[in-house]
């Protein structure tokens, strides 16, 4: 007789391409064809980019249409109705707003196993006054609403515990990566570099991530400007939402370098592994992170990496890359120059260590196993 599947409903703010959203997609995809787990997804806003992809894989996705704070009461009512109609074994919430609304709805409906998700390592840094207020409310409610609180990084757990979250309910499950899905492609490298007019002798330092103050693309450009004065072979590739020539702030800054032809802005792309393959060095230049997805993806591809010391970046890299202080533009420029000064074999060896670091310690299978253990515990079902 076939066992009854464990029903998991995920509540997330939106389904555009971000770190949490992409990991949610990977987690669900890992259970494709596995009858032991059944997933549903509720987005508080819209279906974004990933909603249709999930639906194409047979996952039920609902969008509640929240556009602003004024919609919060109506969104909460819709969320509660959906959870009442499709009562899950586990209600898994992703990030502050979803944690709070999902936790309240789960509490009201008597859903015992509510998982909260913490995705950043800087509780007090940045954000609107509303977001900071929601985080403070979540800290107070953490002793009553969630069953478990899953943090993406050790640093995220420590920061939130110090800010008042219930440490007894917290645990860390790092992001996991599928090395088969992120592999180096010589064909993709050659095609993209030819399209951009990048010569074989050019050394491409690449960046991946949406445009935001936390990712600090402007700091990356300032460091690039300093580095390229010393290394004429350097070129800079930026991939992510709003990283296009239509971004006036970026375009002005790049023009002011005097050599805009050395920068390439590709915007949001679906061929992430191909874009990474076109790079020679990957640069994580964020001011804040939790457990940086893009760094792990670059390591999967086998890129030598230069990263700011944010979140668990240093833990992820270990000795397989270079770590510099966050917000230090001079150190970032020096790091770019140092990477350029290595010979090709040294960079390849560093990239190989990076990939081995992922395959040895941070695979998707490991993360999925940890979540499955939580799901089984919730329904008291052995493996």
Protein backbone atom coordinates (compact mmCIF):
# COMPACT_ATOMS: atom_id res chain seq x y z
CA UNK A 1 0.00 0.00 0.00
CA UNK A 2 1.31 3.46 -0.94
CA UNK A 3 1.98 5.72 2.05
CA UNK A 4 0.08 8.99 2.30
CA UNK A 5 2.33 11.80 1.06
CA UNK A 6 3.48 14.57 3.35
CA UNK A 7 1.76 17.78 2.25
CA UNK A 8 3.93 20.90 2.39
CA UNK A 9 2.56 24.35 1.60
CA UNK A 10 5.11 27.08 1.01
CA UNK A 11 4.29 30.74 1.64
CA UNK A 12 6.67 33.23 0.04
CA UNK A 13 6.52 36.94 -0.70
CA UNK A 14 7.03 36.54 -4.45
CA UNK A 15 8.42 34.25 -7.12
CA UNK A 16 10.84 36.41 -9.07
CA UNK A 17 14.42 35.23 -9.39
CA UNK A 18 16.15 35.68 -6.03
CA UNK A 19 18.16 33.46 -3.73
CA UNK A 20 15.28 32.19 -1.61
CA UNK A 21 12.99 31.77 -4.59
CA UNK A 22 15.54 29.83 -6.58
CA UNK A 23 16.31 27.53 -3.67
CA UNK A 24 12.59 26.89 -3.11
CA UNK A 25 12.35 25.92 -6.77
CA UNK A 26 15.31 23.55 -6.43
CA UNK A 27 13.89 21.97 -3.28
CA UNK A 28 10.57 21.25 -4.96
CA UNK A 29 12.24 20.02 -8.16
CA UNK A 30 14.28 17.57 -6.07
CA UNK A 31 10.99 15.84 -5.19
CA UNK A 32 9.73 15.59 -8.76
CA UNK A 33 8.42 12.05 -9.19
CA UNK A 34 8.74 11.31 -5.47
CA UNK A 35 5.25 10.34 -4.16
CA UNK A 36 6.32 10.81 -0.52
CA UNK A 37 6.12 14.63 -0.75
CA UNK A 38 3.47 16.89 -2.20
CA UNK A 39 4.13 20.63 -2.49
CA UNK A 40 1.92 23.66 -3.01
CA UNK A 41 3.15 27.28 -3.26
CA UNK A 42 1.36 30.45 -2.23
CA UNK A 43 2.90 33.76 -3.29
CA UNK A 44 1.73 36.79 -1.35
CA UNK A 45 2.22 38.92 -4.48
CA UNK A 46 2.38 37.48 -8.03
CA UNK A 47 3.64 34.39 -9.79
CA UNK A 48 6.74 36.15 -11.10
CA UNK A 49 9.24 34.26 -13.21
CA UNK A 50 9.33 31.01 -11.26
CA UNK A 51 5.58 30.48 -10.75
CA UNK A 52 4.95 29.33 -14.34
CA UNK A 53 8.00 27.06 -14.18
CA UNK A 54 6.64 25.40 -11.05
CA UNK A 55 3.21 25.03 -12.65
CA UNK A 56 4.79 23.47 -15.73
CA UNK A 57 6.21 20.85 -13.37
CA UNK A 58 2.77 20.07 -11.95
CA UNK A 59 2.98 22.20 -8.79
CA UNK A 60 -0.11 24.16 -7.77
CA UNK A 61 0.78 27.85 -7.41
CA UNK A 62 -1.51 30.56 -6.05
CA UNK A 63 -0.87 34.31 -6.15
CA UNK A 64 -2.66 36.50 -3.61
CA UNK A 65 -1.99 39.79 -5.39
CA UNK A 66 -0.62 41.89 -2.52
CA UNK A 67 0.71 45.20 -3.88
CA UNK A 68 1.26 47.27 -0.74
CA UNK A 69 0.69 47.38 3.00
CA UNK A 70 -2.90 48.42 2.39
CA UNK A 71 -3.52 45.00 0.89
CA UNK A 72 -2.19 43.12 3.93
CA UNK A 73 -5.57 42.47 5.67
CA UNK A 74 -7.15 41.21 2.44
CA UNK A 75 -4.06 39.15 1.64
CA UNK A 76 -4.11 37.59 5.09
CA UNK A 77 -7.78 36.67 4.70
CA UNK A 78 -7.07 35.03 1.34
CA UNK A 79 -4.12 33.16 2.81
CA UNK A 80 -6.19 31.86 5.69
CA UNK A 81 -8.94 30.67 3.33
CA UNK A 82 -6.45 28.79 1.18
CA UNK A 83 -4.81 27.11 4.16
CA UNK A 84 -8.17 26.13 5.57
CA UNK A 85 -9.20 24.58 2.24
CA UNK A 86 -5.89 22.74 1.75
CA UNK A 87 -4.62 22.12 5.24
CA UNK A 88 -0.95 21.07 5.03
CA UNK A 89 1.08 18.82 7.29
CA UNK A 90 3.85 21.44 7.18
CA UNK A 91 3.47 25.15 6.51
CA UNK A 92 6.87 26.43 5.31
CA UNK A 93 7.29 30.22 5.26
CA UNK A 94 10.09 32.08 3.51
CA UNK A 95 11.34 35.45 4.83
CA UNK A 96 9.89 38.03 7.22
CA UNK A 97 6.54 39.04 5.73
CA UNK A 98 5.65 35.45 4.86
CA UNK A 99 6.87 34.28 8.28
CA UNK A 100 4.58 36.74 10.04
CA UNK A 101 1.44 36.31 7.93
CA UNK A 102 1.92 32.56 7.56
CA UNK A 103 2.69 32.15 11.24
CA UNK A 104 -0.45 34.06 12.29
CA UNK A 105 -2.65 32.10 9.87
CA UNK A 106 -1.14 28.80 10.92
CA UNK A 107 -1.63 29.62 14.59
CA UNK A 108 -5.27 30.60 14.04
CA UNK A 109 -5.98 27.41 12.08
CA UNK A 110 -4.16 25.14 14.53
CA UNK A 111 -1.44 24.08 12.10
CA UNK A 112 1.20 22.83 14.49
CA UNK A 113 4.19 22.51 12.23
CA UNK A 114 5.04 25.96 10.91
CA UNK A 115 8.56 26.46 9.60
CA UNK A 116 9.96 29.96 9.40
CA UNK A 117 12.80 30.86 7.04
CA UNK A 118 15.57 33.39 7.71
CA UNK A 119 17.62 34.29 4.68
CA UNK A 120 19.93 37.15 5.71
CA UNK A 121 22.61 37.83 8.28
CA UNK A 122 21.93 41.50 9.01
CA UNK A 123 18.81 41.93 11.11
CA UNK A 124 19.25 45.66 11.67
CA UNK A 125 20.87 46.62 8.37
CA UNK A 126 18.83 48.39 5.71
CA UNK A 127 15.21 48.07 4.79
CA UNK A 128 12.23 50.34 5.24
CA UNK A 129 10.87 51.28 8.68
CA UNK A 130 8.01 48.85 8.00
CA UNK A 131 10.39 45.99 7.27
CA UNK A 132 12.39 46.72 10.42
CA UNK A 133 9.13 46.76 12.43
CA UNK A 134 8.08 43.42 10.94
CA UNK A 135 11.44 41.91 11.88
CA UNK A 136 11.06 43.12 15.46
CA UNK A 137 7.54 41.67 15.64
CA UNK A 138 8.84 38.37 14.26
CA UNK A 139 11.51 38.27 16.95
CA UNK A 140 8.86 38.67 19.65
CA UNK A 141 6.52 36.17 17.99
CA UNK A 142 9.25 33.59 17.45
CA UNK A 143 8.48 32.01 20.83
CA UNK A 144 4.88 31.32 19.88
CA UNK A 145 4.22 31.08 16.14
CA UNK A 146 6.87 28.81 14.53
CA UNK A 147 7.59 25.19 15.30
CA UNK A 148 11.11 25.50 13.87
CA UNK A 149 13.10 28.42 12.45
CA UNK A 150 15.40 27.44 9.58
CA UNK A 151 18.34 29.79 9.00
CA UNK A 152 20.28 29.70 5.75
CA UNK A 153 23.58 30.50 7.45
CA UNK A 154 25.33 30.17 10.80
CA UNK A 155 25.82 33.94 10.79
CA UNK A 156 22.09 34.43 10.20
CA UNK A 157 21.26 32.33 13.25
CA UNK A 158 23.65 34.26 15.49
CA UNK A 159 22.50 37.70 14.36
CA UNK A 160 18.82 36.88 14.78
CA UNK A 161 19.29 35.10 18.10
CA UNK A 162 21.06 38.17 19.45
CA UNK A 163 18.19 40.29 18.15
CA UNK A 164 15.64 38.36 20.19
CA UNK A 165 14.65 35.34 18.12
CA UNK A 166 14.10 32.13 20.07
CA UNK A 167 17.43 30.32 19.75
CA UNK A 168 15.91 27.05 21.00
CA UNK A 169 13.76 26.83 17.87
CA UNK A 170 16.53 27.71 15.42
CA UNK A 171 18.72 25.53 13.25
CA UNK A 172 20.86 25.98 10.15
CA UNK A 173 20.26 24.33 6.79
CA UNK A 174 22.66 25.72 4.24
CA UNK A 175 21.71 26.16 0.63
CA UNK A 176 22.63 23.19 -1.49
CA UNK A 177 23.71 23.04 -5.11
CA UNK A 178 23.37 20.47 -7.86
CA UNK A 179 26.80 20.29 -9.49
CA UNK A 180 25.21 18.58 -12.50
CA UNK A 181 23.06 21.66 -13.16
CA UNK A 182 25.96 24.12 -12.90
CA UNK A 183 28.84 22.92 -14.98
CA UNK A 184 31.42 24.67 -17.10
CA UNK A 185 30.57 24.85 -20.81
CA UNK A 186 33.34 25.68 -23.28
CA UNK A 187 30.74 26.14 -26.02
CA UNK A 188 28.68 28.60 -23.96
CA UNK A 189 31.86 30.45 -22.97
CA UNK A 190 33.03 30.86 -26.53
CA UNK A 191 29.61 31.84 -27.85
CA UNK A 192 28.97 34.56 -25.26
CA UNK A 193 32.47 35.99 -25.41
CA UNK A 194 32.27 36.12 -29.21
CA UNK A 195 28.89 37.85 -28.98
CA UNK A 196 30.34 40.46 -26.62
CA UNK A 197 33.59 40.90 -28.53
CA UNK A 198 35.78 39.63 -25.69
CA UNK A 199 39.17 38.54 -26.98
CA UNK A 200 40.95 35.39 -25.74
CA UNK A 201 43.59 37.48 -23.97
CA UNK A 202 41.00 39.43 -21.97
CA UNK A 203 40.39 38.43 -18.35
CA UNK A 204 36.71 38.71 -17.45
CA UNK A 205 35.77 39.45 -13.85
CA UNK A 206 32.08 38.65 -13.48
CA UNK A 207 29.26 39.62 -11.16
CA UNK A 208 25.83 38.03 -10.75
CA UNK A 209 22.86 39.38 -8.78
CA UNK A 210 19.96 41.80 -8.95
CA UNK A 211 20.60 45.54 -8.76
CA UNK A 212 20.35 46.68 -5.14
CA UNK A 213 22.20 48.68 -2.52
CA UNK A 214 22.97 45.48 -0.61
CA UNK A 215 24.69 43.96 -3.65
CA UNK A 216 26.69 47.18 -4.13
CA UNK A 217 27.17 47.17 -7.90
CA UNK A 218 28.39 50.76 -7.70
CA UNK A 219 31.20 49.69 -5.39
CA UNK A 220 32.10 46.95 -7.87
CA UNK A 221 32.40 49.51 -10.68
CA UNK A 222 34.56 51.83 -8.57
CA UNK A 223 36.89 48.94 -7.74
CA UNK A 224 36.92 47.86 -11.39
CA UNK A 225 37.93 51.37 -12.45
CA UNK A 226 40.88 51.30 -10.06
CA UNK A 227 41.93 47.77 -11.04
CA UNK A 228 41.79 48.30 -14.78
CA UNK A 229 44.32 51.12 -14.55
CA UNK A 230 46.86 48.47 -13.54
CA UNK A 231 45.64 45.57 -15.65
CA UNK A 232 44.64 46.52 -19.20
CA UNK A 233 43.41 43.00 -19.94
CA UNK A 234 40.56 43.23 -17.40
CA UNK A 235 36.95 43.24 -18.60
CA UNK A 236 33.84 43.28 -16.38
CA UNK A 237 30.62 41.33 -16.93
CA UNK A 238 27.51 42.11 -14.86
CA UNK A 239 24.43 39.85 -14.97
CA UNK A 240 21.18 40.35 -13.08
CA UNK A 241 17.85 42.12 -12.89
CA UNK A 242 18.14 45.82 -13.85
CA UNK A 243 21.81 45.49 -14.78
CA UNK A 244 21.33 46.93 -18.26
CA UNK A 245 22.38 50.02 -20.19
CA UNK A 246 18.90 51.32 -19.41
CA UNK A 247 19.90 51.67 -15.76
CA UNK A 248 20.86 55.34 -15.88
CA UNK A 249 22.78 55.37 -12.60
CA UNK A 250 25.00 52.48 -13.68
CA UNK A 251 25.36 53.80 -17.23
CA UNK A 252 26.53 57.21 -15.98
CA UNK A 253 29.05 55.68 -13.62
CA UNK A 254 30.43 53.33 -16.28
CA UNK A 255 30.69 56.19 -18.80
CA UNK A 256 32.63 58.22 -16.22
CA UNK A 257 35.33 55.52 -16.08
CA UNK A 258 36.42 56.71 -19.53
CA UNK A 259 36.43 53.13 -20.82
CA UNK A 260 32.82 51.96 -20.95
CA UNK A 261 33.71 49.42 -23.64
CA UNK A 262 35.32 47.29 -20.92
CA UNK A 263 31.96 46.75 -19.16
CA UNK A 264 29.17 44.44 -20.29
CA UNK A 265 25.69 44.59 -18.72
CA UNK A 266 23.48 41.67 -19.70
CA UNK A 267 20.47 42.08 -17.43
CA UNK A 268 18.57 39.06 -16.11
CA UNK A 269 19.39 35.82 -17.90
CA UNK A 270 18.14 32.26 -17.71
CA UNK A 271 21.48 30.76 -18.87
CA UNK A 272 23.28 31.38 -15.58
CA UNK A 273 25.79 28.56 -15.98
CA UNK A 274 26.62 29.78 -19.47
CA UNK A 275 27.20 33.33 -18.22
CA UNK A 276 29.43 32.03 -15.45
CA UNK A 277 31.38 29.94 -17.97
CA UNK A 278 32.21 33.12 -19.89
CA UNK A 279 33.91 34.57 -16.80
CA UNK A 280 37.50 33.98 -15.69
CA UNK A 281 36.99 35.18 -12.10
CA UNK A 282 33.77 35.52 -10.13
CA UNK A 283 33.33 38.45 -7.75
CA UNK A 284 30.83 38.61 -4.90
CA UNK A 285 30.86 42.27 -3.88
CA UNK A 286 27.82 42.43 -1.59
CA UNK A 287 27.60 44.47 1.58
CA UNK A 288 25.20 41.96 3.14
CA UNK A 289 24.30 38.33 2.44
CA UNK A 290 23.07 35.26 4.24
CA UNK A 291 24.36 32.20 2.42
CA UNK A 292 25.18 33.57 -1.05
CA UNK A 293 23.61 31.41 -3.75
CA UNK A 294 25.50 33.04 -6.59
CA UNK A 295 28.85 32.32 -4.96
CA UNK A 296 27.99 28.64 -4.67
CA UNK A 297 26.86 28.54 -8.29
CA UNK A 298 30.13 30.10 -9.44
CA UNK A 299 32.03 27.54 -7.39
CA UNK A 300 30.02 24.74 -9.01
CA UNK A 301 31.14 25.97 -12.43
CA UNK A 302 34.73 25.86 -11.18
CA UNK A 303 35.48 29.57 -11.11
CA UNK A 304 38.15 31.11 -8.89
CA UNK A 305 36.24 33.46 -6.60
CA UNK A 306 36.84 36.77 -4.90
CA UNK A 307 34.25 37.49 -2.18
CA UNK A 308 33.48 40.06 0.46
CA UNK A 309 33.30 38.72 4.00
CA UNK A 310 29.50 38.70 4.30
CA UNK A 311 27.18 36.10 5.74
CA UNK A 312 28.68 32.66 5.36
CA UNK A 313 30.77 33.48 2.27
CA UNK A 314 34.04 32.70 4.07
CA UNK A 315 32.62 29.41 5.37
CA UNK A 316 31.49 28.48 1.89
CA UNK A 317 34.81 29.33 0.22
CA UNK A 318 37.21 28.16 2.94
CA UNK A 319 40.59 28.01 1.16
CA UNK A 320 39.07 27.82 -2.33
CA UNK A 321 39.13 31.56 -2.99
CA UNK A 322 39.97 35.01 -1.64
CA UNK A 323 37.91 36.84 0.99
CA UNK A 324 38.13 40.60 1.55
CA UNK A 325 36.37 43.00 3.95
CA UNK A 326 32.90 44.17 2.89
CA UNK A 327 32.65 47.79 1.81
CA UNK A 328 36.39 48.18 1.26
CA UNK A 329 36.72 49.32 -2.34
CA UNK A 330 40.52 49.45 -2.27
CA UNK A 331 40.72 45.87 -1.02
CA UNK A 332 38.28 44.80 -3.74
CA UNK A 333 40.41 46.48 -6.43
CA UNK A 334 43.56 44.86 -5.02
CA UNK A 335 41.79 41.50 -5.05
CA UNK A 336 40.90 41.91 -8.73
CA UNK A 337 44.50 42.79 -9.56
CA UNK A 338 45.80 39.83 -7.52
CA UNK A 339 43.50 37.46 -9.41
CA UNK A 340 44.74 38.88 -12.71
CA UNK A 341 48.35 38.38 -11.63
CA UNK A 342 47.86 34.65 -11.13
CA UNK A 343 48.70 32.55 -14.15
CA UNK A 344 45.99 30.50 -15.82
CA UNK A 345 46.97 27.24 -14.15
CA UNK A 346 46.78 28.84 -10.69
CA UNK A 347 43.30 30.20 -11.38
CA UNK A 348 42.16 26.84 -12.75
CA UNK A 349 43.48 25.06 -9.65
CA UNK A 350 41.64 27.52 -7.41
CA UNK A 351 38.44 26.96 -9.39
CA UNK A 352 38.81 23.20 -9.12
CA UNK A 353 39.16 23.47 -5.34
CA UNK A 354 36.01 25.59 -5.31
CA UNK A 355 34.00 22.95 -7.17
CA UNK A 356 35.34 20.20 -4.90
CA UNK A 357 34.31 22.28 -1.90
CA UNK A 358 30.72 22.24 -3.18
CA UNK A 359 30.63 18.56 -4.10
CA UNK A 360 32.15 17.62 -0.76
CA UNK A 361 30.10 19.78 1.59
CA UNK A 362 27.24 21.73 0.00
CA UNK A 363 25.26 19.57 -2.38
CA UNK A 364 21.54 19.97 -2.92
CA UNK A 365 21.11 16.38 -1.75
CA UNK A 366 22.43 17.28 1.68
CA UNK A 367 20.03 20.21 2.04
CA UNK A 368 17.08 18.18 0.80
CA UNK A 369 17.88 15.41 3.29
CA UNK A 370 17.79 17.95 6.14
CA UNK A 371 14.41 19.33 5.08
CA UNK A 372 13.01 15.84 4.59
CA UNK A 373 14.07 14.99 8.13
CA UNK A 374 12.07 17.99 9.39
CA UNK A 375 9.04 17.00 7.30
CA UNK A 376 9.14 13.43 8.60
CA UNK A 377 9.53 14.62 12.18
CA UNK A 378 6.46 16.80 11.75
CA UNK A 379 4.30 13.80 10.88
CA UNK A 380 6.28 11.37 13.07
CA UNK A 381 7.11 9.24 10.07
CA UNK A 382 10.42 7.36 9.97
CA UNK A 383 12.65 7.43 6.88
